[in-house]
PDB file of N, CA and C in Angstrom:
ATOM      1  N   MET A   1     -18.906 229.910 130.914  1.00  0.00           N
ATOM      2  CA  MET A   1     -20.011 228.657 130.547  1.00  0.00           C
ATOM      3  C   MET A   1     -19.012 227.976 129.691  1.00  0.00           C
ATOM      4  N   PHE A   2     -19.408 226.196 130.127  1.00  0.00           N
ATOM      5  CA  PHE A   2     -18.823 225.200 129.779  1.00  0.00           C
ATOM      6  C   PHE A   2     -19.670 224.148 128.783  1.00  0.00           C
ATOM      7  N   THR A   3     -18.827 224.091 128.155  1.00  0.00           N
ATOM      8  CA  THR A   3     -19.229 223.096 126.922  1.00  0.00           C
ATOM      9  C   THR A   3     -20.369 222.045 126.857  1.00  0.00           C
ATOM     10  N   THR A   4     -20.588 222.160 128.423  1.00  0.00           N
ATOM     11  CA  THR A   4     -21.493 220.354 129.073  1.00  0.00           C
ATOM     12  C   THR A   4     -22.281 221.378 129.921  1.00  0.00           C
ATOM     13  N   ASP A   5     -22.716 222.741 129.604  1.00  0.00           N
ATOM     14  CA  ASP A   5     -23.327 223.356 130.345  1.00  0.00           C
ATOM     15  C   ASP A   5     -25.009 223.036 129.918  1.00  0.00           C
ATOM     16  N   ALA A   6     -25.859 222.891 130.702  1.00  0.00           N
ATOM     17  CA  ALA A   6     -27.281 222.762 130.041  1.00  0.00           C
ATOM     18  C   ALA A   6     -28.072 223.940 129.677  1.00  0.00           C
ATOM     19  N   ARG A   7     -27.605 224.737 129.901  1.00  0.00           N
ATOM     20  CA  ARG A   7     -28.307 225.873 128.727  1.00  0.00           C
ATOM     21  C   ARG A   7     -27.931 225.821 127.409  1.00  0.00           C
ATOM     22  N   LEU A   8     -26.831 225.250 126.732  1.00  0.00           N
ATOM     23  CA  LEU A   8     -26.891 224.832 125.971  1.00  0.00           C
ATOM     24  C   LEU A   8     -27.753 224.098 124.764  1.00  0.00           C
ATOM     25  N   ARG A   9     -28.366 223.475 125.774  1.00  0.00           N
ATOM     26  CA  ARG A   9     -29.545 222.162 125.000  1.00  0.00           C
ATOM     27  C   ARG A   9     -30.570 223.134 124.699  1.00  0.00           C
ATOM     28  N   SER A  10     -30.932 224.727 125.187  1.00  0.00           N
ATOM     29  CA  SER A  10     -32.043 225.199 125.146  1.00  0.00           C
ATOM     30  C   SER A  10     -32.223 226.217 123.607  1.00  0.00           C
ATOM     31  N   GLY A  11     -31.315 225.837 122.728  1.00  0.00           N
ATOM     32  CA  GLY A  11     -30.950 226.371 121.281  1.00  0.00           C
ATOM     33  C   GLY A  11     -31.339 228.044 121.752  1.00  0.00           C
ATOM     34  N   SER A  12     -31.309 228.895 122.620  1.00  0.00           N
ATOM     35  CA  SER A  12     -30.781 230.132 123.071  1.00  0.00           C
ATOM     36  C   SER A  12     -29.649 230.719 122.847  1.00  0.00           C
ATOM     37  N   TYR A  13     -28.506 229.649 122.293  1.00  0.00           N
ATOM     38  CA  TYR A  13     -26.983 230.024 122.472  1.00  0.00           C
ATOM     39  C   TYR A  13     -26.538 229.564 121.022  1.00  0.00           C
ATOM     40  N   THR A  14     -25.356 230.225 120.580  1.00  0.00           N
ATOM     41  CA  THR A  14     -24.529 229.494 119.413  1.00  0.00           C
ATOM     42  C   THR A  14     -23.418 229.550 120.438  1.00  0.00           C
ATOM     43  N   VAL A  15     -22.852 227.626 119.580  1.00  0.00           N
ATOM     44  CA  VAL A  15     -21.374 227.481 120.379  1.00  0.00           C
ATOM     45  C   VAL A  15     -20.912 228.016 118.768  1.00  0.00           C
ATOM     46  N   LEU A  16     -20.048 228.994 119.288  1.00  0.00           N
ATOM     47  CA  LEU A  16     -18.640 229.202 118.446  1.00  0.00           C
ATOM     48  C   LEU A  16     -17.771 228.391 118.146  1.00  0.00           C
ATOM     49  N   ASP A  17     -16.872 228.308 116.801  1.00  0.00           N
ATOM     50  CA  ASP A  17     -15.983 227.216 116.299  1.00  0.00           C
ATOM     51  C   ASP A  17     -14.369 227.983 117.379  1.00  0.00           C
ATOM     52  N   ASP A  18     -13.660 227.290 117.460  1.00  0.00           N
ATOM     53  CA  ASP A  18     -12.391 227.127 118.111  1.00  0.00           C
ATOM     54  C   ASP A  18     -11.391 227.016 117.572  1.00  0.00           C
ATOM     55  N   PRO A  19     -11.314 227.644 115.746  1.00  0.00           N
ATOM     56  CA  PRO A  19     -10.465 227.033 115.010  1.00  0.00           C
ATOM     57  C   PRO A  19      -8.796 227.082 115.685  1.00  0.00           C
ATOM     58  N   LYS A  20      -8.414 227.974 116.977  1.00  0.00           N
ATOM     59  CA  LYS A  20      -6.904 227.629 117.173  1.00  0.00           C
ATOM     60  C   LYS A  20      -7.088 227.027 118.754  1.00  0.00           C
ATOM     61  N   HIS A  21      -8.350 226.236 119.369  1.00  0.00           N
ATOM     62  CA  HIS A  21      -7.926 225.790 119.916  1.00  0.00           C
ATOM     63  C   HIS A  21      -7.729 226.249 121.217  1.00  0.00           C
ATOM     64  N   VAL A  22      -8.141 227.369 121.648  1.00  0.00           N
ATOM     65  CA  VAL A  22      -7.962 228.467 122.995  1.00  0.00           C
ATOM     66  C   VAL A  22      -8.219 227.465 123.924  1.00  0.00           C
ATOM     67  N   PHE A  23      -9.786 227.055 123.736  1.00  0.00           N
ATOM     68  CA  PHE A  23     -10.332 226.429 124.994  1.00  0.00           C
ATOM     69  C   PHE A  23     -10.411 225.241 125.257  1.00  0.00           C
ATOM     70  N   GLY A  24      -9.760 224.572 126.691  1.00  0.00           N
ATOM     71  CA  GLY A  24      -9.584 223.108 126.630  1.00  0.00           C
ATOM     72  C   GLY A  24     -10.598 222.350 126.410  1.00  0.00           C
ATOM     73  N   PHE A  25     -10.588 221.082 126.746  1.00  0.00           N
ATOM     74  CA  PHE A  25     -11.113 220.074 126.549  1.00  0.00           C
ATOM     75  C   PHE A  25     -11.711 219.743 127.966  1.00  0.00           C
ATOM     76  N   GLN A  26     -13.007 219.413 127.746  1.00  0.00           N
ATOM     77  CA  GLN A  26     -13.672 218.678 129.164  1.00  0.00           C
ATOM     78  C   GLN A  26     -13.920 217.372 129.173  1.00  0.00           C
ATOM     79  N   HIS A  27     -12.957 216.066 128.791  1.00  0.00           N
ATOM     80  CA  HIS A  27     -13.607 214.801 128.787  1.00  0.00           C
ATOM     81  C   HIS A  27     -13.886 214.502 130.305  1.00  0.00           C
ATOM     82  N   VAL A  28     -14.191 213.407 130.679  1.00  0.00           N
ATOM     83  CA  VAL A  28     -14.484 212.613 131.393  1.00  0.00           C
ATOM     84  C   VAL A  28     -13.682 211.414 131.897  1.00  0.00           C
ATOM     85  N   VAL A  29     -12.873 211.824 132.721  1.00  0.00           N
ATOM     86  CA  VAL A  29     -11.877 210.764 132.945  1.00  0.00           C
ATOM     87  C   VAL A  29     -12.016 209.940 134.180  1.00  0.00           C
ATOM     88  N   PRO A  30     -11.836 208.763 134.445  1.00  0.00           N
ATOM     89  CA  PRO A  30     -12.696 208.065 135.793  1.00  0.00           C
ATOM     90  C   PRO A  30     -11.264 207.452 136.339  1.00  0.00           C
ATOM     91  N   ILE A  31     -11.148 207.907 137.603  1.00  0.00           N
ATOM     92  CA  ILE A  31      -9.826 207.514 138.208  1.00  0.00           C
ATOM     93  C   ILE A  31     -10.446 206.483 139.603  1.00  0.00           C
ATOM     94  N   PHE A  32      -9.451 205.421 139.551  1.00  0.00           N
ATOM     95  CA  PHE A  32     -10.070 204.635 141.056  1.00  0.00           C
ATOM     96  C   PHE A  32      -8.710 204.371 141.326  1.00  0.00           C
ATOM     97  N   ASN A  33      -8.718 204.099 142.460  1.00  0.00           N
ATOM     98  CA  ASN A  33      -7.461 203.693 143.168  1.00  0.00           C
ATOM     99  C   ASN A  33      -7.383 201.735 143.004  1.00  0.00           C
ATOM    100  N   ARG A  34      -6.740 201.385 142.775  1.00  0.00           N
ATOM    101  CA  ARG A  34      -5.991 200.140 142.068  1.00  0.00           C
ATOM    102  C   ARG A  34      -6.806 199.446 142.720  1.00  0.00           C
ATOM    103  N   LYS A  35      -6.712 199.398 144.264  1.00  0.00           N
ATOM    104  CA  LYS A  35      -7.151 198.633 144.798  1.00  0.00           C
ATOM    105  C   LYS A  35      -8.915 198.384 144.674  1.00  0.00           C
ATOM    106  N   VAL A  36      -9.646 199.226 144.212  1.00  0.00           N
ATOM    107  CA  VAL A  36     -11.030 199.202 143.992  1.00  0.00           C
ATOM    108  C   VAL A  36     -10.922 198.594 142.928  1.00  0.00           C
ATOM    109  N   ILE A  37     -10.062 198.655 141.734  1.00  0.00           N
ATOM    110  CA  ILE A  37      -9.975 197.783 140.453  1.00  0.00           C
ATOM    111  C   ILE A  37      -9.936 196.198 140.883  1.00  0.00           C
ATOM    112  N   ALA A  38      -8.898 195.831 141.615  1.00  0.00           N
ATOM    113  CA  ALA A  38      -8.194 194.792 142.107  1.00  0.00           C
ATOM    114  C   ALA A  38      -9.698 194.064 142.752  1.00  0.00           C
ATOM    115  N   ALA A  39     -10.683 194.557 143.775  1.00  0.00           N
ATOM    116  CA  ALA A  39     -11.309 193.973 144.568  1.00  0.00           C
ATOM    117  C   ALA A  39     -13.309 193.969 143.574  1.00  0.00           C
ATOM    118  N   GLU A  40     -12.983 194.571 142.347  1.00  0.00           N
ATOM    119  CA  GLU A  40     -14.279 194.486 141.982  1.00  0.00           C
ATOM    120  C   GLU A  40     -13.725 193.863 140.596  1.00  0.00           C
ATOM    121  N   GLY A  41     -12.812 193.451 139.916  1.00  0.00           N
ATOM    122  CA  GLY A  41     -13.113 192.602 138.773  1.00  0.00           C
ATOM    123  C   GLY A  41     -12.413 192.732 137.659  1.00  0.00           C
ATOM    124  N   PRO A  42     -11.797 192.229 137.023  1.00  0.00           N
ATOM    125  CA  PRO A  42     -11.964 192.834 135.716  1.00  0.00           C
ATOM    126  C   PRO A  42     -13.336 193.545 134.730  1.00  0.00           C
ATOM    127  N   GLY A  43     -14.319 192.901 135.104  1.00  0.00           N
ATOM    128  CA  GLY A  43     -15.677 193.290 134.586  1.00  0.00           C
ATOM    129  C   GLY A  43     -15.727 195.182 134.931  1.00  0.00           C
ATOM    130  N   PHE A  44     -14.909 195.183 136.376  1.00  0.00           N
ATOM    131  CA  PHE A  44     -15.570 196.814 136.600  1.00  0.00           C
ATOM    132  C   PHE A  44     -14.866 197.618 135.737  1.00  0.00           C
ATOM    133  N   ALA A  45     -13.416 197.396 135.295  1.00  0.00           N
ATOM    134  CA  ALA A  45     -13.050 198.773 134.128  1.00  0.00           C
ATOM    135  C   ALA A  45     -13.318 198.532 132.604  1.00  0.00           C
ATOM    136  N   GLN A  46     -14.033 197.345 132.287  1.00  0.00           N
ATOM    137  CA  GLN A  46     -14.839 197.166 131.753  1.00  0.00           C
ATOM    138  C   GLN A  46     -16.181 197.852 131.218  1.00  0.00           C
ATOM    139  N   THR A  47     -16.978 197.805 132.663  1.00  0.00           N
ATOM    140  CA  THR A  47     -18.361 198.625 132.368  1.00  0.00           C
ATOM    141  C   THR A  47     -17.916 200.070 132.503  1.00  0.00           C
ATOM    142  N   ILE A  48     -16.722 200.837 133.449  1.00  0.00           N
ATOM    143  CA  ILE A  48     -16.513 202.373 133.369  1.00  0.00           C
ATOM    144  C   ILE A  48     -16.056 202.438 131.852  1.00  0.00           C
ATOM    145  N   ASN A  49     -15.368 201.495 131.554  1.00  0.00           N
ATOM    146  CA  ASN A  49     -14.701 202.443 129.864  1.00  0.00           C
ATOM    147  C   ASN A  49     -15.833 202.344 129.304  1.00  0.00           C
ATOM    148  N   ALA A  50     -17.009 201.048 128.848  1.00  0.00           N
ATOM    149  CA  ALA A  50     -18.586 201.459 128.316  1.00  0.00           C
ATOM    150  C   ALA A  50     -18.985 202.815 128.737  1.00  0.00           C
ATOM    151  N   LEU A  51     -19.188 202.698 129.859  1.00  0.00           N
ATOM    152  CA  LEU A  51     -20.197 204.485 130.651  1.00  0.00           C
ATOM    153  C   LEU A  51     -18.983 205.138 130.251  1.00  0.00           C
ATOM    154  N   SER A  52     -17.631 205.553 130.152  1.00  0.00           N
ATOM    155  CA  SER A  52     -16.798 206.679 129.743  1.00  0.00           C
ATOM    156  C   SER A  52     -17.473 206.905 128.227  1.00  0.00           C
ATOM    157  N   ALA A  53     -17.333 205.893 126.961  1.00  0.00           N
ATOM    158  CA  ALA A  53     -17.298 206.002 126.047  1.00  0.00           C
ATOM    159  C   ALA A  53     -18.510 206.752 125.639  1.00  0.00           C
ATOM    160  N   ARG A  54     -19.918 206.542 126.013  1.00  0.00           N
ATOM    161  CA  ARG A  54     -20.856 207.503 126.108  1.00  0.00           C
ATOM    162  C   ARG A  54     -20.894 208.575 126.619  1.00  0.00           C
ATOM    163  N   LEU A  55     -20.471 209.464 127.319  1.00  0.00           N
ATOM    164  CA  LEU A  55     -20.646 210.560 128.103  1.00  0.00           C
ATOM    165  C   LEU A  55     -19.657 211.355 127.050  1.00  0.00           C
ATOM    166  N   THR A  56     -20.389 211.465 125.983  1.00  0.00           N
ATOM    167  CA  THR A  56     -19.920 212.531 125.248  1.00  0.00           C
ATOM    168  C   THR A  56     -20.714 214.160 125.746  1.00  0.00           C
ATOM    169  N   THR A  57     -19.998 214.881 125.135  1.00  0.00           N
ATOM    170  CA  THR A  57     -20.104 216.290 125.505  1.00  0.00           C
ATOM    171  C   THR A  57     -22.001 216.621 125.395  1.00  0.00           C
ATOM    172  N   ARG A  58     -22.232 215.738 124.524  1.00  0.00           N
ATOM    173  CA  ARG A  58     -24.100 216.471 124.313  1.00  0.00           C
ATOM    174  C   ARG A  58     -24.848 215.379 124.905  1.00  0.00           C
ATOM    175  N   ALA A  59     -23.960 214.165 125.419  1.00  0.00           N
ATOM    176  CA  ALA A  59     -24.516 213.594 126.004  1.00  0.00           C
ATOM    177  C   ALA A  59     -24.558 214.355 127.947  1.00  0.00           C
ATOM    178  N   MET A  60     -23.777 214.825 127.958  1.00  0.00           N
ATOM    179  CA  MET A  60     -23.204 215.343 129.601  1.00  0.00           C
ATOM    180  C   MET A  60     -24.684 216.795 129.360  1.00  0.00           C
ATOM    181  N   GLN A  61     -24.351 217.270 128.474  1.00  0.00           N
ATOM    182  CA  GLN A  61     -25.345 218.588 128.328  1.00  0.00           C
ATOM    183  C   GLN A  61     -26.582 217.695 128.572  1.00  0.00           C
ATOM    184  N   LYS A  62     -27.022 216.614 127.791  1.00  0.00           N
ATOM    185  CA  LYS A  62     -28.304 216.116 128.363  1.00  0.00           C
ATOM    186  C   LYS A  62     -28.866 215.850 129.728  1.00  0.00           C
ATOM    187  N   LEU A  63     -27.467 215.374 130.381  1.00  0.00           N
ATOM    188  CA  LEU A  63     -28.034 214.948 131.766  1.00  0.00           C
ATOM    189  C   LEU A  63     -28.144 216.533 132.484  1.00  0.00           C
ATOM    190  N   ASN A  64     -27.115 216.747 132.446  1.00  0.00           N
ATOM    191  CA  ASN A  64     -26.872 218.689 132.843  1.00  0.00           C
ATOM    192  C   ASN A  64     -28.529 219.116 132.910  1.00  0.00           C
ATOM    193  N   ALA A  65     -28.819 219.126 131.668  1.00  0.00           N
ATOM    194  CA  ALA A  65     -30.108 219.751 131.688  1.00  0.00           C
ATOM    195  C   ALA A  65     -31.105 219.113 132.390  1.00  0.00           C
ATOM    196  N   ALA A  66     -31.321 217.606 132.545  1.00  0.00           N
ATOM    197  CA  ALA A  66     -32.222 216.519 132.982  1.00  0.00           C
ATOM    198  C   ALA A  66     -32.318 216.967 134.536  1.00  0.00           C
ATOM    199  N   VAL A  67     -30.855 217.452 134.795  1.00  0.00           N
ATOM    200  CA  VAL A  67     -30.957 218.007 136.421  1.00  0.00           C
ATOM    201  C   VAL A  67     -31.195 219.696 136.944  1.00  0.00           C
ATOM    202  N   ASP A  68     -30.465 220.615 135.675  1.00  0.00           N
ATOM    203  CA  ASP A  68     -30.961 221.856 136.109  1.00  0.00           C
ATOM    204  C   ASP A  68     -31.817 222.519 136.057  1.00  0.00           C
ATOM    205  N   ILE A  69     -32.653 222.210 134.675  1.00  0.00           N
ATOM    206  CA  ILE A  69     -33.819 222.608 134.031  1.00  0.00           C
ATOM    207  C   ILE A  69     -34.863 221.735 134.111  1.00  0.00           C
ATOM    208  N   ASP A  70     -34.756 220.589 134.023  1.00  0.00           N
ATOM    209  CA  ASP A  70     -36.067 219.834 133.910  1.00  0.00           C
ATOM    210  C   ASP A  70     -36.062 219.586 135.634  1.00  0.00           C
ATOM    211  N   LYS A  71     -35.180 219.677 136.255  1.00  0.00           N
ATOM    212  CA  LYS A  71     -35.242 219.594 138.033  1.00  0.00           C
ATOM    213  C   LYS A  71     -35.355 217.925 138.527  1.00  0.00           C
ATOM    214  N   ASP A  72     -34.578 217.044 137.410  1.00  0.00           N
ATOM    215  CA  ASP A  72     -34.662 215.696 137.585  1.00  0.00           C
ATOM    216  C   ASP A  72     -33.572 215.407 139.055  1.00  0.00           C
ATOM    217  N   SER A  73     -34.203 214.745 139.571  1.00  0.00           N
ATOM    218  CA  SER A  73     -32.813 213.904 140.721  1.00  0.00           C
ATOM    219  C   SER A  73     -31.898 213.554 139.895  1.00  0.00           C
ATOM    220  N   PRO A  74     -30.613 214.090 140.236  1.00  0.00           N
ATOM    221  CA  PRO A  74     -29.492 213.203 139.756  1.00  0.00           C
ATOM    222  C   PRO A  74     -29.430 211.853 139.176  1.00  0.00           C
ATOM    223  N   GLU A  75     -29.830 211.152 140.782  1.00  0.00           N
ATOM    224  CA  GLU A  75     -30.128 209.774 140.091  1.00  0.00           C
ATOM    225  C   GLU A  75     -31.526 209.546 139.333  1.00  0.00           C
ATOM    226  N   LYS A  76     -31.840 210.416 139.063  1.00  0.00           N
ATOM    227  CA  LYS A  76     -33.326 209.991 137.737  1.00  0.00           C
ATOM    228  C   LYS A  76     -32.543 210.002 136.514  1.00  0.00           C
ATOM    229  N   ALA A  77     -31.523 211.257 136.278  1.00  0.00           N
ATOM    230  CA  ALA A  77     -31.014 211.332 135.544  1.00  0.00           C
ATOM    231  C   ALA A  77     -30.099 209.922 135.136  1.00  0.00           C
ATOM    232  N   ALA A  78     -29.444 209.960 135.594  1.00  0.00           N
ATOM    233  CA  ALA A  78     -28.297 208.638 136.150  1.00  0.00           C
ATOM    234  C   ALA A  78     -28.999 207.250 135.421  1.00  0.00           C
ATOM    235  N   ARG A  79     -30.085 207.380 136.210  1.00  0.00           N
ATOM    236  CA  ARG A  79     -30.766 205.779 135.450  1.00  0.00           C
ATOM    237  C   ARG A  79     -31.544 206.028 134.155  1.00  0.00           C
ATOM    238  N   ALA A  80     -31.575 206.874 133.677  1.00  0.00           N
ATOM    239  CA  ALA A  80     -32.283 207.031 132.613  1.00  0.00           C
ATOM    240  C   ALA A  80     -30.838 207.216 131.624  1.00  0.00           C
ATOM    241  N   PHE A  81     -30.001 207.751 131.821  1.00  0.00           N
ATOM    242  CA  PHE A  81     -28.667 207.601 130.666  1.00  0.00           C
ATOM    243  C   PHE A  81     -28.484 206.222 130.600  1.00  0.00           C
ATOM    244  N   LEU A  82     -28.407 205.663 131.686  1.00  0.00           N
ATOM    245  CA  LEU A  82     -27.876 204.282 131.938  1.00  0.00           C
ATOM    246  C   LEU A  82     -29.014 203.230 130.821  1.00  0.00           C
ATOM    247  N   ARG A  83     -30.350 203.516 131.027  1.00  0.00           N
ATOM    248  CA  ARG A  83     -31.127 202.244 130.332  1.00  0.00           C
ATOM    249  C   ARG A  83     -31.239 202.867 129.401  1.00  0.00           C
ATOM    250  N   ALA A  84     -31.117 204.376 128.689  1.00  0.00           N
ATOM    251  CA  ALA A  84     -30.989 204.711 126.960  1.00  0.00           C
ATOM    252  C   ALA A  84     -29.961 204.025 126.351  1.00  0.00           C
ATOM    253  N   ASN A  85     -28.812 203.874 127.166  1.00  0.00           N
ATOM    254  CA  ASN A  85     -27.412 203.184 126.535  1.00  0.00           C
ATOM    255  C   ASN A  85     -27.168 202.224 126.897  1.00  0.00           C
ATOM    256  N   GLY A  86     -28.214 201.215 127.585  1.00  0.00           N
ATOM    257  CA  GLY A  86     -28.190 199.673 127.741  1.00  0.00           C
ATOM    258  C   GLY A  86     -27.393 199.650 128.480  1.00  0.00           C
ATOM    259  N   LEU A  87     -26.498 200.365 129.358  1.00  0.00           N
ATOM    260  CA  LEU A  87     -26.014 199.717 130.798  1.00  0.00           C
ATOM    261  C   LEU A  87     -26.649 199.797 132.093  1.00  0.00           C
ATOM    262  N   ARG A  88     -27.817 199.335 131.578  1.00  0.00           N
ATOM    263  CA  ARG A  88     -29.008 199.224 132.980  1.00  0.00           C
ATOM    264  C   ARG A  88     -29.589 197.624 132.922  1.00  0.00           C
TER     265      ARG A  88
END
C-alpha cells in the first residue's frame, strides 16, 4: 500500500508513524523537456508549480479515491480538483 492509496480515505486503516524514516516519500515531480517549457512560455512553469504545490499526499488520496472508489473518470476527478483549488 502507498501513502496515496485511495483506501486510506475509508477510515478502515490506521497510518502508522515512521520515526526511523524507513519508508520513502511519494512526492510528485513534474518533468518536462526544456523544449516544451520554452514553447509554452514562462507562465507554463508557474502553472505547473502552482499545481504541484497543491498535490499533497492527502490531495492525492482524495483524487485516487474519486477514481478508484467513487468510479469517477480521471478527467472528472482532475477537473474537480483544479476547480476546487482555483486552478481552472
